[in-house]
Amino acid sequence: QCSSTCAGGFQRRVVVCQDENGYTANNCDEKSKPVEQRSCESGPCPQWAYGNWGECTKPCGAGTRTRLVVCQR
């Protein structure tokens, strides 16, 4: 699996030299050894998007102001 759910990450695998019976061997050509790690891209990370603050609910005293806030991919 990719090490990250978004943005850049990497994948790893185990590469070993074995004989025809599946036993560990030492005579594999190191130059032809497959890579054990590669980059993977899972797309952009989500981020918060938000609008402007609305009007206050009261002309004086304690009121509230709201705005739209959403998580976007």
C-alpha atoms as a PDB file:
ATOM      1  CA  GLN A   1       0.000   0.000   0.000  1.00  0.00           C
ATOM      2  CA  CYS A   2       0.985   3.617  -0.461  1.00  0.00           C
ATOM      3  CA  SER A   3       2.412   5.168   2.719  1.00  0.00           C
ATOM      4  CA  SER A   4       0.190   8.233   2.265  1.00  0.00           C
ATOM      5  CA  THR A   5      -3.514   8.626   1.532  1.00  0.00           C
ATOM      6  CA  CYS A   6      -2.829  11.885  -0.297  1.00  0.00           C
ATOM      7  CA  ALA A   7       0.068  13.772  -1.862  1.00  0.00           C
ATOM      8  CA  GLY A   8       3.378  11.950  -2.286  1.00  0.00           C
ATOM      9  CA  GLY A   9       4.070   8.620  -0.645  1.00  0.00           C
ATOM     10  CA  PHE A  10       5.961   5.428  -1.337  1.00  0.00           C
ATOM     11  CA  GLN A  11       5.404   1.701  -1.679  1.00  0.00           C
ATOM     12  CA  ARG A  12       7.817  -0.973  -0.455  1.00  0.00           C
ATOM     13  CA  ARG A  13       8.271  -4.646  -1.204  1.00  0.00           C
ATOM     14  CA  VAL A  14      10.754  -7.336  -0.229  1.00  0.00           C
ATOM     15  CA  VAL A  15      13.126  -8.605  -2.939  1.00  0.00           C
ATOM     16  CA  VAL A  16      15.158 -11.726  -2.148  1.00  0.00           C
ATOM     17  CA  CYS A  17      17.356 -14.069  -4.140  1.00  0.00           C
ATOM     18  CA  GLN A  18      16.036 -17.664  -4.159  1.00  0.00           C
ATOM     19  CA  ASP A  19      16.876 -20.885  -5.942  1.00  0.00           C
ATOM     20  CA  GLU A  20      14.333 -22.972  -7.892  1.00  0.00           C
ATOM     21  CA  ASN A  21      13.180 -24.623  -4.636  1.00  0.00           C
ATOM     22  CA  GLY A  22      12.463 -21.306  -2.888  1.00  0.00           C
ATOM     23  CA  TYR A  23      15.528 -21.398  -0.651  1.00  0.00           C
ATOM     24  CA  THR A  24      17.738 -18.359  -0.073  1.00  0.00           C
ATOM     25  CA  ALA A  25      20.562 -18.130  -2.599  1.00  0.00           C
ATOM     26  CA  ASN A  26      23.558 -15.821  -3.060  1.00  0.00           C
ATOM     27  CA  ASN A  27      24.256 -16.107  -6.761  1.00  0.00           C
ATOM     28  CA  CYS A  28      21.711 -13.610  -8.167  1.00  0.00           C
ATOM     29  CA  ASP A  29      23.024 -10.797 -10.376  1.00  0.00           C
ATOM     30  CA  GLU A  30      22.824  -7.621  -8.242  1.00  0.00           C
ATOM     31  CA  LYS A  31      22.586  -5.451 -11.385  1.00  0.00           C
ATOM     32  CA  SER A  32      19.244  -7.049 -12.331  1.00  0.00           C
ATOM     33  CA  LYS A  33      17.738  -6.807  -8.827  1.00  0.00           C
ATOM     34  CA  PRO A  34      14.268  -5.166  -8.964  1.00  0.00           C
ATOM     35  CA  VAL A  35      13.754  -1.971  -6.943  1.00  0.00           C
ATOM     36  CA  GLU A  36      12.375  -2.380  -3.425  1.00  0.00           C
ATOM     37  CA  GLN A  37      10.768   1.060  -3.121  1.00  0.00           C
ATOM     38  CA  ARG A  38       8.909   3.380  -5.507  1.00  0.00           C
ATOM     39  CA  SER A  39       6.946   6.608  -5.320  1.00  0.00           C
ATOM     40  CA  CYS A  40       3.168   6.528  -5.399  1.00  0.00           C
ATOM     41  CA  GLU A  41       0.717   9.376  -5.911  1.00  0.00           C
ATOM     42  CA  SER A  42      -2.641   9.271  -4.154  1.00  0.00           C
ATOM     43  CA  GLY A  43      -3.923  12.612  -5.396  1.00  0.00           C
ATOM     44  CA  PRO A  44      -4.093  15.969  -3.641  1.00  0.00           C
ATOM     45  CA  CYS A  45      -4.730  16.262   0.082  1.00  0.00           C
ATOM     46  CA  PRO A  46      -8.118  17.609   1.216  1.00  0.00           C
ATOM     47  CA  GLN A  47      -8.187  21.144   2.528  1.00  0.00           C
ATOM     48  CA  TRP A  48     -10.610  23.506   4.238  1.00  0.00           C
ATOM     49  CA  ALA A  49     -12.466  25.977   2.023  1.00  0.00           C
ATOM     50  CA  TYR A  50     -14.426  28.764   3.686  1.00  0.00           C
ATOM     51  CA  GLY A  51     -16.521  31.766   2.787  1.00  0.00           C
ATOM     52  CA  ASN A  52     -16.820  35.282   4.183  1.00  0.00           C
ATOM     53  CA  TRP A  53     -18.380  35.979   7.554  1.00  0.00           C
ATOM     54  CA  GLY A  54     -22.092  36.793   7.402  1.00  0.00           C
ATOM     55  CA  GLU A  55     -23.931  39.595   9.136  1.00  0.00           C
ATOM     56  CA  CYS A  56     -24.196  39.694  12.921  1.00  0.00           C
ATOM     57  CA  THR A  57     -27.494  38.326  14.240  1.00  0.00           C
ATOM     58  CA  LYS A  58     -27.947  41.303  16.612  1.00  0.00           C
ATOM     59  CA  PRO A  59     -27.343  45.030  16.144  1.00  0.00           C
ATOM     60  CA  CYS A  60     -25.914  45.246  19.675  1.00  0.00           C
ATOM     61  CA  GLY A  61     -24.998  42.942  22.541  1.00  0.00           C
ATOM     62  CA  ALA A  62     -23.954  39.336  22.012  1.00  0.00           C
ATOM     63  CA  GLY A  63     -24.727  38.118  18.505  1.00  0.00           C
ATOM     64  CA  THR A  64     -23.207  35.553  16.200  1.00  0.00           C
ATOM     65  CA  ARG A  65     -21.730  35.563  12.725  1.00  0.00           C
ATOM     66  CA  THR A  66     -21.455  32.444  10.591  1.00  0.00           C
ATOM     67  CA  ARG A  67     -19.695  31.383   7.425  1.00  0.00           C
ATOM     68  CA  LEU A  68     -19.695  28.300   5.201  1.00  0.00           C
ATOM     69  CA  VAL A  69     -16.815  25.899   5.890  1.00  0.00           C
ATOM     70  CA  VAL A  70     -16.334  22.703   3.854  1.00  0.00           C
ATOM     71  CA  CYS A  71     -13.617  20.096   3.445  1.00  0.00           C
ATOM     72  CA  GLN A  72     -12.743  19.797  -0.249  1.00  0.00           C
ATOM     73  CA  ARG A  73     -10.610  17.235  -2.013  1.00  0.00           C
END
